[in-house]
Amino acid sequence: MNPAETLKKYFGYEGFRLGQREVIDEILAGRDALAIMPTGAGKSLCFQVPALLLDGITLVISPLISLMRDQVDALIQADIPAAFINSSLTTAQTHKALANARKGAYKIIYAAPERLETESFVRFAQDANIAMLAVDEAHCVSHWGQDFRPSYLGIKNFIGSLPKRPVLSAFTATATDIVRDDIIKLLGLHDPFVRSTGFNRENLYFEVRYPKKKFDELAAYLQENTGKSGIIYCATRKAVDDVSNRLRGIGIPAARYHAGMSQEERTAAQSDFLYDRVPVIAATNAFGMGIDKSNVSFVLHYNMPKNMESYYQEAGRAGRDGSPAECIILFSQQDVMVNRMLIENDIDHRRLREMEAYCNTTECLRQYILDYFQDEEKHACGNCGNCNTERELIDVTLDAQKILSCVHRMKGRYGLALVIEVLRGATTQKVKSFNLDKIKTFGAMNGRPTDEIRRIAQFLLQKGYIRQVGDRYPTVQTSETAAEVLYGNKIISMPVKPAAAVPAPEPKKAGQAVDSGLLARLKALRLKLANAEDVPAFVVFSDATLRDMCVKLPADDAAFLTVSGVGEVKLRKYGRLFIDEINQQQPQHHHPPQNA
């Protein structure tokens, strides 16, 4: 078989997505490869398809137990012999898995990076015919990546210990140029083929909200999206416990997940979420890396994340099957303070400022993300809270002059928070100790809310009239262009929501409208089959596949094979059941089903 035939037979897709075929062809030609593709773009297929065509075993290094289990479940569902070896197995189970592997029972083996340091696994690997070693979540090898794992640094030595060097491939969703170069160097990729498909996820809707009462905003959103699956990220364990308890208190089923829980509690919570026994889960960033659940309809950040890499990785867990999904941050300035206490080095403080700037920008949120990751794509997306919100321009020149004058008079020695205190005329101990109550701009914006002054100051930062210097304790200074506002005729107009703002247009919806009744019946059938096989429902078919069935209304085997996500294996296993369900109330499309 060739790659296209393999893709259709085992995975049910008619064609490859952007970049997939190039990466697969290079791997099959024996060349190392690095693929940088956003979550949901199909990175796994870039190593799973060649794994089925190469002569030998493909070893996949993966950071999380949940990721391995999900992907191995999906591979087994597609009749692909696969296994995982990690700390969730007993010693006896590990020995049995390695014994089976020595007999050639598996085409693909997933393993945690720590496993490469064990004597039994190294002995197995040295005797096995390993055709390819694929490193998933490869950014974990870099200190500049958001999920650095020291054990990833041992992969290079492990490869060097093998009698024959396999093809080495690496995959990640979020990698700046620095992280990309680190991956190549620290994993020891040889003249790799590097393919970045860009970071844009068109199906994701981005928004930042500034609620006065976060929990009320969260509860209202969940009530409007009843029945949908979603993740609520919180900055601390305490916040996770508080949010999940309060949600359950108002009748919204919610699991919780953080590192302070026992392993049994975390496993149960994750299982409840994956198997759709609870629709939402409140969690710290300890949850989710590599979660393969395809039907997550929203990711809400109850607190601002600590950096853009973490945010895009976490937000990217929504809409993995290509369906429309929402990524919303519920922002407050307190989030910045909490994150400052949780981070230690200058690099992370710099990243925190960039994340704060995202939450305050009035420009396109999607474009901000793409610019951060040095993606060359440029467009107004029409699918984010900023692009979709009606705004009016107001003249803030006088306010801008007051802020810039205050920054100038404070001689660039202090942070933005203290500048705002001086402008408001706050008689705090810090203001008095530095004699800042004596400067001319003290109280220049007396009576104005702190948040209002901060928004204008953030706008001036965004436009480059002031800049922050330093990492851990940044100070603010005026830039060269500030003179145009202070001493020239420069008018500063800032876009704001009107006082009686018109509700933002609904986020873009992708795909055709479907019969909701039929979709509900297909989901019920899928759940019944999933429960019988003890796998998550999306492992049987994704939501996107069910919607495609509702659009195409396949009445026989040949038509069922045209549904995206249906291959020969799943046709044999499930075709007759789903065709019968579709035909029940579609008599005009009925044809006698063919034998599977």
Protein backbone atom coordinates (compact mmCIF):
# COMPACT_ATOMS: atom_id res chain seq x y z
CA MET A 1 0.00 0.00 0.00
CA ASN A 2 0.99 3.61 -0.47
CA PRO A 3 0.39 6.42 2.07
CA ALA A 4 -2.94 7.49 0.56
CA GLU A 5 -4.32 3.93 0.58
CA THR A 6 -3.13 3.45 4.16
CA LEU A 7 -4.77 6.72 5.21
CA LYS A 8 -8.15 5.67 3.82
CA LYS A 9 -8.09 2.05 4.89
CA TYR A 10 -7.13 2.56 8.53
CA PHE A 11 -8.12 6.15 9.30
CA GLY A 12 -10.96 6.80 6.87
CA TYR A 13 -9.74 10.02 5.24
CA GLU A 14 -9.74 10.65 1.50
CA GLY A 15 -6.81 13.05 1.49
CA PHE A 16 -4.01 14.48 3.59
CA ARG A 17 -4.13 17.80 5.36
CA LEU A 18 -1.63 20.57 4.77
CA GLY A 19 1.95 19.36 5.27
CA GLN A 20 1.14 15.77 6.22
CA ARG A 21 2.08 14.09 2.94
CA GLU A 22 5.40 15.96 2.68
CA VAL A 23 6.47 14.88 6.18
CA ILE A 24 5.37 11.28 5.55
CA ASP A 25 7.23 11.07 2.21
CA GLU A 26 10.46 12.38 3.78
CA ILE A 27 10.25 9.89 6.64
CA LEU A 28 9.62 7.01 4.22
CA ALA A 29 12.67 8.18 2.26
CA GLY A 30 14.74 7.73 5.43
CA ARG A 31 15.17 11.39 6.37
CA ASP A 32 14.76 12.85 9.86
CA ALA A 33 11.86 15.27 10.16
CA LEU A 34 10.51 18.00 12.41
CA ALA A 35 6.84 18.94 11.99
CA ILE A 36 5.37 22.01 13.67
CA MET A 37 1.60 21.86 13.30
CA PRO A 38 -1.17 23.32 15.46
CA THR A 39 -3.16 21.01 17.72
CA GLY A 40 -5.84 19.32 15.64
CA ALA A 41 -3.85 19.53 12.39
CA GLY A 42 -3.12 15.80 12.35
CA LYS A 43 0.44 15.43 13.65
CA SER A 44 -0.17 11.86 14.82
CA LEU A 45 -0.93 10.66 11.30
CA CYS A 46 2.48 11.96 10.22
CA PHE A 47 4.13 9.15 12.18
CA GLN A 48 1.30 6.58 12.31
CA VAL A 49 0.95 6.29 8.52
CA PRO A 50 4.69 5.70 7.84
CA ALA A 51 4.82 3.38 10.86
CA LEU A 52 2.45 1.03 9.01
CA LEU A 53 4.60 1.14 5.87
CA LEU A 54 8.10 0.89 7.38
CA ASP A 55 9.73 -2.49 7.96
CA GLY A 56 10.00 -2.65 11.73
CA ILE A 57 8.62 -1.12 14.91
CA THR A 58 7.89 2.56 15.44
CA LEU A 59 8.65 3.73 18.96
CA VAL A 60 6.71 6.85 19.97
CA ILE A 61 8.02 8.90 22.91
CA SER A 62 5.07 10.61 24.57
CA PRO A 63 4.92 12.63 27.80
CA LEU A 64 1.59 11.60 29.32
CA ILE A 65 -0.13 8.35 30.18
CA SER A 66 -3.52 9.69 29.07
CA LEU A 67 -2.23 10.56 25.60
CA MET A 68 -0.77 7.10 25.11
CA ARG A 69 -3.92 5.34 26.25
CA ASP A 70 -6.16 7.44 24.00
CA GLN A 71 -4.01 6.97 20.93
CA VAL A 72 -3.45 3.25 21.49
CA ASP A 73 -7.21 2.76 21.99
CA ALA A 74 -7.84 4.54 18.68
CA LEU A 75 -5.19 2.48 16.86
CA ILE A 76 -6.58 -0.80 18.18
CA GLN A 77 -10.06 0.31 17.06
CA ALA A 78 -8.56 0.66 13.56
CA ASP A 79 -7.06 -2.88 13.75
CA ILE A 80 -3.52 -1.54 14.12
CA PRO A 81 -1.45 -3.58 16.63
CA ALA A 82 -0.22 -1.10 19.23
CA ALA A 83 0.69 -0.91 22.91
CA PHE A 84 1.96 1.50 25.52
CA ILE A 85 4.60 0.99 28.20
CA ASN A 86 4.53 3.41 31.12
CA SER A 87 4.17 3.65 34.89
CA SER A 88 0.46 2.78 34.78
CA LEU A 89 1.42 -0.86 34.10
CA THR A 90 2.43 -3.30 36.79
CA THR A 91 5.83 -4.95 36.57
CA ALA A 92 4.19 -8.12 35.28
CA GLN A 93 2.23 -6.19 32.64
CA THR A 94 5.39 -4.39 31.52
CA HIS A 95 7.29 -7.68 31.16
CA LYS A 96 4.40 -9.16 29.18
CA ALA A 97 4.22 -6.11 26.87
CA LEU A 98 7.96 -6.29 26.20
CA ALA A 99 7.74 -10.04 25.60
CA ASN A 100 4.95 -9.49 23.08
CA ALA A 101 6.95 -6.72 21.46
CA ARG A 102 9.95 -9.04 21.05
CA LYS A 103 7.66 -11.44 19.21
CA GLY A 104 6.64 -8.70 16.78
CA ALA A 105 3.11 -8.33 18.16
CA TYR A 106 3.05 -4.54 17.75
CA LYS A 107 3.66 -2.11 14.92
CA ILE A 108 3.59 0.97 17.15
CA ILE A 109 4.75 1.19 20.78
CA TYR A 110 4.22 4.29 22.92
CA ALA A 111 6.59 4.88 25.82
CA ALA A 112 7.25 7.61 28.37
CA PRO A 113 10.69 9.24 28.07
CA GLU A 114 11.62 7.99 31.55
CA ARG A 115 11.21 4.44 30.24
CA LEU A 116 14.29 4.93 28.03
CA GLU A 117 16.41 5.01 31.19
CA THR A 118 15.38 1.53 32.39
CA GLU A 119 17.63 -1.44 31.75
CA SER A 120 14.85 -3.78 30.58
CA PHE A 121 13.57 -1.34 27.98
CA VAL A 122 17.06 -0.53 26.68
CA ARG A 123 17.78 -4.26 26.29
CA PHE A 124 14.55 -4.71 24.36
CA ALA A 125 15.30 -1.73 22.10
CA GLN A 126 18.83 -2.92 21.32
CA ASP A 127 17.48 -6.30 20.15
CA ALA A 128 14.43 -4.94 18.30
CA ASN A 129 14.11 -3.74 14.72
CA ILE A 130 13.19 -0.12 15.42
CA ALA A 131 12.51 1.55 12.09
CA MET A 132 11.50 4.96 13.46
CA LEU A 133 11.59 6.82 16.73
CA ALA A 134 8.95 9.57 16.89
CA VAL A 135 9.07 12.22 19.61
CA ASP A 136 5.66 13.69 20.33
CA GLU A 137 5.31 17.03 22.19
CA ALA A 138 8.95 17.63 21.22
CA HIS A 139 8.98 21.13 22.74
CA CYS A 140 9.37 19.36 26.10
CA VAL A 141 13.09 18.99 25.31
CA SER A 142 13.66 22.75 25.43
CA HIS A 143 13.98 25.02 28.46
CA TRP A 144 12.26 27.61 26.25
CA GLY A 145 9.25 25.33 25.76
CA GLN A 146 6.32 25.61 28.16
CA ASP A 147 6.45 21.99 29.39
CA PHE A 148 10.15 21.24 29.82
CA ARG A 149 10.75 17.60 30.82
CA PRO A 150 14.38 16.79 31.82
CA SER A 151 13.90 13.16 30.77
CA TYR A 152 13.53 14.32 27.15
CA LEU A 153 17.22 15.24 27.23
CA GLY A 154 18.07 11.53 27.45
CA ILE A 155 16.48 10.67 24.08
CA LYS A 156 19.63 11.59 22.14
CA ASN A 157 21.80 9.23 24.22
CA PHE A 158 19.20 6.46 23.95
CA ILE A 159 19.30 6.69 20.14
CA GLY A 160 23.09 6.61 20.27
CA SER A 161 22.97 3.36 22.24
CA LEU A 162 21.04 1.50 19.50
CA PRO A 163 23.00 -0.75 17.13
CA LYS A 164 21.22 0.81 14.14
CA ARG A 165 20.05 4.41 14.12
CA PRO A 166 16.33 4.63 13.23
CA VAL A 167 14.70 7.48 11.36
CA LEU A 168 14.05 10.20 13.93
CA SER A 169 10.94 12.39 13.72
CA ALA A 170 9.74 15.10 16.10
CA PHE A 171 6.37 16.82 16.43
CA THR A 172 5.04 19.83 18.30
CA ALA A 173 2.19 22.32 18.10
CA THR A 174 3.90 25.38 19.55
CA ALA A 175 7.50 26.18 18.75
CA THR A 176 9.13 29.57 18.30
CA ASP A 177 12.37 29.68 16.29
CA ILE A 178 14.39 29.27 19.50
CA VAL A 179 12.45 26.15 20.52
CA ARG A 180 12.69 24.72 16.99
CA ASP A 181 16.49 25.08 16.99
CA ASP A 182 16.66 23.52 20.46
CA ILE A 183 14.64 20.51 19.31
CA ILE A 184 16.97 19.89 16.37
CA LYS A 185 20.11 20.22 18.51
CA LEU A 186 19.02 18.46 21.71
CA LEU A 187 17.39 15.48 19.96
CA GLY A 188 20.26 15.18 17.49
CA LEU A 189 18.20 15.38 14.29
CA HIS A 190 20.39 14.86 11.20
CA ASP A 191 19.74 17.39 8.42
CA PRO A 192 16.03 17.21 9.18
CA PHE A 193 13.18 18.08 6.87
CA VAL A 194 11.42 20.89 8.74
CA ARG A 195 7.77 21.64 7.97
CA SER A 196 5.71 24.28 9.71
CA THR A 197 2.14 24.51 8.51
CA GLY A 198 1.47 27.71 10.40
CA PHE A 199 -0.31 28.19 13.68
CA ASN A 200 -3.75 29.27 12.53
CA ARG A 201 -6.77 27.25 13.70
CA GLU A 202 -9.65 28.71 11.71
CA ASN A 203 -12.30 26.77 13.62
CA LEU A 204 -11.34 28.34 16.96
CA TYR A 205 -13.02 31.52 18.18
CA PHE A 206 -10.89 33.63 20.54
CA GLU A 207 -12.18 36.14 23.06
CA VAL A 208 -11.08 37.94 26.22
CA ARG A 209 -13.78 38.98 28.67
CA TYR A 210 -13.43 41.32 31.67
CA PRO A 211 -16.24 40.26 34.02
CA LYS A 212 -16.86 41.99 37.33
CA LYS A 213 -17.94 38.65 38.78
CA LYS A 214 -16.04 35.79 37.16
CA PHE A 215 -18.07 32.93 38.55
CA ASP A 216 -21.36 34.49 37.46
CA GLU A 217 -19.93 34.90 33.95
CA LEU A 218 -18.71 31.30 33.95
CA ALA A 219 -22.03 29.91 35.20
CA ALA A 220 -23.99 31.88 32.60
CA TYR A 221 -21.73 30.60 29.81
CA LEU A 222 -22.09 26.96 30.90
CA GLN A 223 -25.86 27.27 31.18
CA GLU A 224 -25.96 28.66 27.62
CA ASN A 225 -23.83 25.73 26.43
CA THR A 226 -25.52 22.85 28.27
CA GLY A 227 -24.53 19.43 26.96
CA LYS A 228 -21.26 20.60 25.39
CA SER A 229 -17.91 19.29 26.53
CA GLY A 230 -15.35 21.77 27.83
CA ILE A 231 -12.31 22.47 30.00
CA ILE A 232 -12.05 25.28 32.58
CA TYR A 233 -8.43 26.10 33.36
CA CYS A 234 -7.58 27.72 36.71
CA ALA A 235 -4.23 29.05 37.91
CA THR A 236 -4.22 27.35 41.33
CA ARG A 237 -5.48 24.19 43.01
CA LYS A 238 -7.58 26.31 45.36
CA ALA A 239 -9.33 27.93 42.39
CA VAL A 240 -10.01 24.50 40.84
CA ASP A 241 -11.61 23.25 44.06
CA ASP A 242 -13.65 26.43 44.48
CA VAL A 243 -14.92 26.53 40.89
CA SER A 244 -15.83 22.83 40.72
CA ASN A 245 -17.60 22.92 44.12
CA ARG A 246 -19.59 26.04 43.23
CA LEU A 247 -20.59 24.61 39.84
CA ARG A 248 -21.86 21.42 41.41
CA GLY A 249 -23.67 23.57 43.98
CA ILE A 250 -25.76 25.16 41.21
CA GLY A 251 -26.46 21.85 39.49
CA ILE A 252 -23.74 21.84 36.83
CA PRO A 253 -21.83 18.51 36.86
CA ALA A 254 -18.11 19.27 36.95
CA ALA A 255 -15.05 17.13 37.57
CA ARG A 256 -11.82 18.56 38.99
CA TYR A 257 -8.16 17.79 38.36
CA HIS A 258 -4.94 19.04 39.94
CA ALA A 259 -1.65 17.71 41.30
CA GLY A 260 -2.85 17.87 44.91
CA MET A 261 -5.32 15.04 44.31
CA SER A 262 -4.40 11.37 44.61
CA GLN A 263 -3.54 9.44 41.47
CA GLU A 264 -6.79 7.48 41.82
CA GLU A 265 -8.83 10.69 42.06
CA ARG A 266 -7.12 12.22 39.01
CA THR A 267 -7.57 9.05 36.97
CA ALA A 268 -11.27 8.88 37.86
CA ALA A 269 -11.83 12.57 37.02
CA GLN A 270 -10.07 12.27 33.69
CA SER A 271 -12.00 9.11 32.85
CA ASP A 272 -15.33 10.77 33.69
CA PHE A 273 -14.48 13.63 31.35
CA LEU A 274 -13.11 11.50 28.50
CA TYR A 275 -16.09 9.15 28.62
CA ASP A 276 -18.58 12.06 28.71
CA ARG A 277 -19.92 11.12 32.13
CA VAL A 278 -19.40 14.77 33.11
CA PRO A 279 -19.50 17.56 30.52
CA VAL A 280 -16.87 19.88 32.03
CA ILE A 281 -13.71 19.63 34.06
CA ALA A 282 -12.02 22.36 36.11
CA ALA A 283 -8.27 21.86 36.15
CA THR A 284 -4.83 23.36 36.56
CA ASN A 285 -2.37 23.09 33.70
CA ALA A 286 -1.42 19.67 35.14
CA PHE A 287 -4.34 18.40 33.04
CA GLY A 288 -4.56 18.04 29.34
CA MET A 289 -1.23 17.93 27.53
CA GLY A 290 -1.83 15.43 24.78
CA ILE A 291 -5.48 14.84 25.67
CA ASP A 292 -6.89 13.38 22.47
CA LYS A 293 -10.58 14.07 23.19
CA SER A 294 -11.89 15.34 19.87
CA ASN A 295 -15.24 16.82 20.92
CA VAL A 296 -14.14 19.58 23.32
CA SER A 297 -16.38 22.50 22.34
CA PHE A 298 -14.81 25.15 24.54
CA VAL A 299 -11.76 25.93 26.64
CA LEU A 300 -12.32 28.64 29.24
CA HIS A 301 -9.46 30.16 31.20
CA TYR A 302 -10.82 31.27 34.55
CA ASN A 303 -7.43 32.89 35.10
CA MET A 304 -4.99 34.29 32.59
CA PRO A 305 -2.31 31.71 31.60
CA LYS A 306 1.32 32.45 32.36
CA ASN A 307 2.50 32.66 28.74
CA MET A 308 1.33 32.48 25.14
CA GLU A 309 2.85 29.04 24.54
CA SER A 310 0.84 27.55 27.39
CA TYR A 311 -2.30 29.38 26.32
CA TYR A 312 -2.22 28.21 22.71
CA GLN A 313 -1.42 24.65 23.76
CA GLU A 314 -4.31 24.62 26.24
CA ALA A 315 -6.77 26.48 23.99
CA GLY A 316 -5.84 24.08 21.18
CA ARG A 317 -7.52 21.23 23.04
CA ALA A 318 -10.80 22.63 21.76
CA GLY A 319 -12.14 21.65 18.33
CA ARG A 320 -9.60 18.94 17.56
CA ASP A 321 -11.99 17.34 15.05
CA GLY A 322 -12.32 20.61 13.11
CA SER A 323 -15.69 21.56 14.59
CA PRO A 324 -16.30 25.17 15.71
CA ALA A 325 -15.06 25.76 19.26
CA GLU A 326 -14.55 28.70 21.60
CA CYS A 327 -11.46 29.75 23.55
CA ILE A 328 -12.26 32.44 26.11
CA ILE A 329 -10.18 34.07 28.85
CA LEU A 330 -11.99 35.58 31.84
CA PHE A 331 -9.40 38.23 32.66
CA SER A 332 -8.72 40.33 35.72
CA GLN A 333 -5.60 42.22 36.74
CA GLN A 334 -5.36 39.98 39.79
CA ASP A 335 -4.45 37.13 37.42
CA VAL A 336 -1.21 38.94 36.58
CA MET A 337 -0.33 39.26 40.27
CA VAL A 338 -1.00 35.56 40.92
CA ASN A 339 1.16 34.49 37.97
CA ARG A 340 4.02 36.72 39.11
CA MET A 341 4.10 34.83 42.39
CA LEU A 342 4.17 31.48 40.58
CA ILE A 343 7.13 32.18 38.28
CA GLU A 344 10.78 32.57 39.11
CA ASN A 345 12.98 33.53 36.17
CA ASP A 346 13.29 36.56 33.92
CA ILE A 347 12.28 34.68 30.77
CA ASP A 348 8.94 33.73 32.30
CA HIS A 349 8.31 37.31 33.47
CA ARG A 350 8.86 38.50 29.91
CA ARG A 351 6.42 35.90 28.62
CA LEU A 352 3.89 36.92 31.25
CA ARG A 353 3.98 40.51 29.97
CA GLU A 354 3.34 39.29 26.44
CA MET A 355 0.34 37.28 27.69
CA GLU A 356 -0.98 40.33 29.55
CA ALA A 357 -0.63 42.36 26.37
CA TYR A 358 -2.75 39.78 24.52
CA CYS A 359 -5.49 40.18 27.13
CA ASN A 360 -5.44 43.95 26.71
CA THR A 361 -4.99 44.35 22.97
CA THR A 362 -7.76 45.94 20.92
CA GLU A 363 -6.37 44.37 17.73
CA CYS A 364 -7.28 41.01 16.21
CA LEU A 365 -6.58 38.28 18.79
CA ARG A 366 -5.83 35.66 16.15
CA GLN A 367 -3.30 37.95 14.50
CA TYR A 368 -1.63 38.60 17.85
CA ILE A 369 -1.15 34.84 18.30
CA LEU A 370 0.16 34.35 14.77
CA ASP A 371 2.57 37.27 15.15
CA TYR A 372 3.84 35.88 18.45
CA PHE A 373 4.70 32.57 16.81
CA GLN A 374 6.26 34.39 13.85
CA ASP A 375 3.64 33.08 11.47
CA GLU A 376 3.65 35.13 8.27
CA GLU A 377 -0.08 34.82 7.68
CA LYS A 378 -1.79 38.21 7.88
CA HIS A 379 -5.54 38.79 7.96
CA ALA A 380 -8.36 40.20 10.04
CA CYS A 381 -9.92 36.94 11.13
CA GLY A 382 -13.56 37.92 11.66
CA ASN A 383 -13.71 35.14 14.24
CA CYS A 384 -12.49 36.63 17.51
CA GLY A 385 -14.02 38.81 20.18
CA ASN A 386 -12.13 41.90 19.02
CA CYS A 387 -12.93 41.55 15.32
CA ASN A 388 -16.58 40.72 16.01
CA THR A 389 -17.29 43.45 18.56
CA GLU A 390 -18.66 46.78 17.42
CA ARG A 391 -16.35 49.49 18.77
CA GLU A 392 -16.21 53.25 18.53
CA LEU A 393 -13.11 55.45 18.49
CA ILE A 394 -12.84 57.91 21.34
CA ASP A 395 -10.30 60.72 21.71
CA VAL A 396 -8.04 59.90 24.67
CA THR A 397 -5.33 62.42 23.78
CA LEU A 398 -5.63 64.38 27.04
CA ASP A 399 -5.55 61.21 29.13
CA ALA A 400 -2.60 59.93 27.10
CA GLN A 401 -0.72 63.19 27.74
CA LYS A 402 -1.31 62.87 31.49
CA ILE A 403 -0.05 59.28 31.54
CA LEU A 404 2.97 59.99 29.35
CA SER A 405 3.84 63.09 31.39
CA CYS A 406 3.63 61.11 34.62
CA VAL A 407 5.87 58.33 33.23
CA HIS A 408 8.36 60.97 32.07
CA ARG A 409 8.40 62.78 35.43
CA MET A 410 8.94 59.50 37.27
CA LYS A 411 12.13 59.15 35.15
CA GLY A 412 11.55 55.53 34.10
CA ARG A 413 12.35 54.20 37.58
CA TYR A 414 8.99 52.67 38.52
CA GLY A 415 6.45 50.15 37.32
CA LEU A 416 3.07 50.81 35.74
CA ALA A 417 1.14 50.03 38.93
CA LEU A 418 2.91 52.84 40.80
CA VAL A 419 2.39 55.24 37.88
CA ILE A 420 -1.35 54.58 38.14
CA GLU A 421 -1.30 55.15 41.90
CA VAL A 422 0.37 58.54 41.36
CA LEU A 423 -2.11 59.53 38.66
CA ARG A 424 -5.01 58.63 40.96
CA GLY A 425 -3.47 60.62 43.81
CA ALA A 426 -3.15 57.61 46.09
CA THR A 427 -1.40 58.48 49.38
CA THR A 428 0.17 55.07 49.87
CA GLN A 429 3.33 54.49 51.86
CA LYS A 430 5.26 53.71 48.69
CA VAL A 431 4.11 56.90 46.96
CA LYS A 432 5.12 58.99 49.98
CA SER A 433 8.44 57.24 50.55
CA PHE A 434 9.59 58.14 47.02
CA ASN A 435 8.16 61.69 47.31
CA LEU A 436 5.98 60.98 44.29
CA ASP A 437 3.12 62.93 45.88
CA LYS A 438 5.19 66.06 45.17
CA ILE A 439 5.41 65.71 41.37
CA LYS A 440 3.17 67.78 39.12
CA THR A 441 1.12 64.84 37.77
CA PHE A 442 0.18 63.54 41.24
CA GLY A 443 -3.62 63.22 41.21
CA ALA A 444 -3.88 64.26 37.55
CA MET A 445 -6.50 61.52 37.00
CA ASN A 446 -8.05 61.62 40.46
CA GLY A 447 -11.47 59.97 40.58
CA ARG A 448 -10.88 57.82 37.51
CA PRO A 449 -11.17 54.03 38.00
CA THR A 450 -7.88 52.13 38.10
CA ASP A 451 -9.00 49.74 35.35
CA GLU A 452 -9.85 52.64 33.03
CA ILE A 453 -6.42 54.25 33.49
CA ARG A 454 -4.74 50.88 33.02
CA ARG A 455 -6.60 50.20 29.76
CA ILE A 456 -5.42 53.51 28.30
CA ALA A 457 -1.87 52.85 29.52
CA GLN A 458 -1.95 49.36 27.99
CA PHE A 459 -3.13 50.92 24.71
CA LEU A 460 -0.15 53.29 24.82
CA LEU A 461 2.12 50.30 25.43
CA GLN A 462 0.53 48.46 22.52
CA LYS A 463 1.09 51.46 20.25
CA GLY A 464 4.68 51.95 21.40
CA TYR A 465 4.38 55.33 23.13
CA ILE A 466 5.65 53.80 26.36
CA ARG A 467 7.74 50.69 26.86
CA GLN A 468 8.55 48.33 29.70
CA VAL A 469 12.18 47.70 30.61
CA GLY A 470 13.39 44.75 32.66
CA ASP A 471 11.85 41.36 33.29
CA ARG A 472 11.11 40.48 36.90
CA TYR A 473 10.28 44.04 38.01
CA PRO A 474 9.70 45.99 34.79
CA THR A 475 9.73 49.76 34.83
CA VAL A 476 7.97 51.97 32.29
CA GLN A 477 9.60 54.65 30.16
CA THR A 478 8.42 56.97 27.44
CA SER A 479 9.59 56.14 23.91
CA GLU A 480 10.83 58.53 21.26
CA THR A 481 7.36 58.75 19.73
CA ALA A 482 5.85 60.02 23.00
CA ALA A 483 7.01 63.52 22.10
CA GLU A 484 4.49 63.57 19.24
CA VAL A 485 1.71 63.32 21.82
CA LEU A 486 3.24 65.45 24.59
CA TYR A 487 4.53 68.33 22.49
CA GLY A 488 3.06 67.86 19.03
CA ASN A 489 -0.38 67.67 17.49
CA LYS A 490 -0.74 63.88 17.59
CA ILE A 491 -4.32 62.78 18.29
CA ILE A 492 -4.75 59.47 20.15
CA SER A 493 -7.97 57.61 19.35
CA MET A 494 -8.69 54.37 21.18
CA PRO A 495 -11.34 51.80 20.16
CA VAL A 496 -13.77 51.02 22.98
CA LYS A 497 -17.09 49.25 23.34
CA PRO A 498 -19.96 51.76 23.32
CA ALA A 499 -21.66 52.32 26.68
CA ALA A 500 -24.72 50.44 25.41
CA ALA A 501 -22.73 47.98 23.38
CA VAL A 502 -24.50 45.94 20.73
CA PRO A 503 -23.91 42.24 21.48
CA ALA A 504 -21.05 40.84 19.45
CA PRO A 505 -22.03 38.78 16.42
CA GLU A 506 -22.08 35.05 16.93
CA PRO A 507 -18.76 33.31 16.25
CA LYS A 508 -18.44 31.85 12.76
CA LYS A 509 -19.90 28.40 12.42
CA ALA A 510 -18.22 25.93 10.14
CA GLY A 511 -19.88 23.31 7.98
CA GLN A 512 -23.45 22.64 6.91
CA ALA A 513 -26.50 22.61 9.16
CA VAL A 514 -27.50 19.09 10.17
CA ASP A 515 -30.63 17.37 11.45
CA SER A 516 -30.22 17.73 15.23
CA GLY A 517 -32.55 14.80 15.89
CA LEU A 518 -30.55 12.45 13.67
CA LEU A 519 -27.28 13.69 15.15
CA ALA A 520 -28.60 12.98 18.66
CA ARG A 521 -29.57 9.43 17.65
CA LEU A 522 -26.16 8.79 16.09
CA LYS A 523 -24.47 10.06 19.25
CA ALA A 524 -26.63 7.76 21.36
CA LEU A 525 -25.67 4.78 19.17
CA ARG A 526 -22.00 5.77 19.34
CA LEU A 527 -22.16 5.99 23.14
CA LYS A 528 -23.79 2.56 23.38
CA LEU A 529 -21.03 1.01 21.25
CA ALA A 530 -18.29 2.88 23.14
CA ASN A 531 -19.62 1.69 26.50
CA ALA A 532 -19.73 -1.88 25.25
CA GLU A 533 -16.09 -1.66 24.16
CA ASP A 534 -14.98 0.44 27.18
CA VAL A 535 -13.51 3.27 25.09
CA PRO A 536 -14.35 6.99 24.92
CA ALA A 537 -17.12 7.78 22.46
CA PHE A 538 -14.86 9.82 20.15
CA VAL A 539 -12.68 6.74 19.61
CA VAL A 540 -15.61 5.11 17.78
CA PHE A 541 -16.32 8.18 15.62
CA SER A 542 -15.62 11.87 16.13
CA ASP A 543 -18.41 14.43 16.26
CA ALA A 544 -17.20 15.72 12.89
CA THR A 545 -17.67 12.24 11.37
CA LEU A 546 -21.21 12.00 12.77
CA ARG A 547 -22.06 15.42 11.34
CA ASP A 548 -20.72 14.33 7.95
CA MET A 549 -23.01 11.28 8.15
CA CYS A 550 -25.95 13.63 8.77
CA VAL A 551 -25.01 15.64 5.69
CA LYS A 552 -24.29 12.71 3.33
CA LEU A 553 -26.97 10.33 4.66
CA PRO A 554 -25.16 7.21 3.41
CA ALA A 555 -27.57 4.40 2.55
CA ASP A 556 -25.08 1.65 1.66
CA ASP A 557 -21.48 0.59 2.22
CA ALA A 558 -20.05 2.50 -0.72
CA ALA A 559 -21.69 5.72 0.41
CA PHE A 560 -20.66 5.11 4.04
CA LEU A 561 -17.02 4.91 2.93
CA THR A 562 -17.26 8.47 1.57
CA VAL A 563 -17.88 9.81 5.08
CA SER A 564 -14.81 11.59 6.47
CA GLY A 565 -13.25 9.42 9.18
CA VAL A 566 -14.69 6.11 7.91
CA GLY A 567 -12.21 3.54 6.64
CA GLU A 568 -12.54 -0.13 5.75
CA VAL A 569 -12.05 -1.29 9.33
CA LYS A 570 -14.76 0.91 10.82
CA LEU A 571 -17.07 0.15 7.94
CA ARG A 572 -16.82 -3.54 8.86
CA LYS A 573 -17.29 -2.89 12.57
CA TYR A 574 -19.98 -0.22 12.58
CA GLY A 575 -21.25 0.40 9.06
CA ARG A 576 -24.47 -1.64 9.16
CA LEU A 577 -25.50 -0.21 12.56
CA PHE A 578 -25.10 3.42 11.57
CA ILE A 579 -26.58 2.96 8.09
CA ASP A 580 -29.67 1.36 9.65
CA GLU A 581 -29.99 4.23 12.13
CA ILE A 582 -29.73 6.79 9.31
CA ASN A 583 -32.20 4.93 7.13
CA GLN A 584 -34.78 4.64 9.92
CA GLN A 585 -36.19 8.08 9.23
CA GLN A 586 -34.72 8.64 5.79
CA PRO A 587 -36.93 6.45 3.58
CA GLN A 588 -36.26 8.59 0.54
CA HIS A 589 -32.59 7.62 0.76
CA HIS A 590 -33.13 3.95 1.51
CA HIS A 591 -31.30 1.32 -0.47
CA PRO A 592 -30.70 -2.27 0.58
CA PRO A 593 -27.37 -2.28 2.46
CA GLN A 594 -24.52 -4.25 0.97
CA ASN A 595 -22.74 -6.94 2.90
CA ALA A 596 -19.90 -5.54 4.97
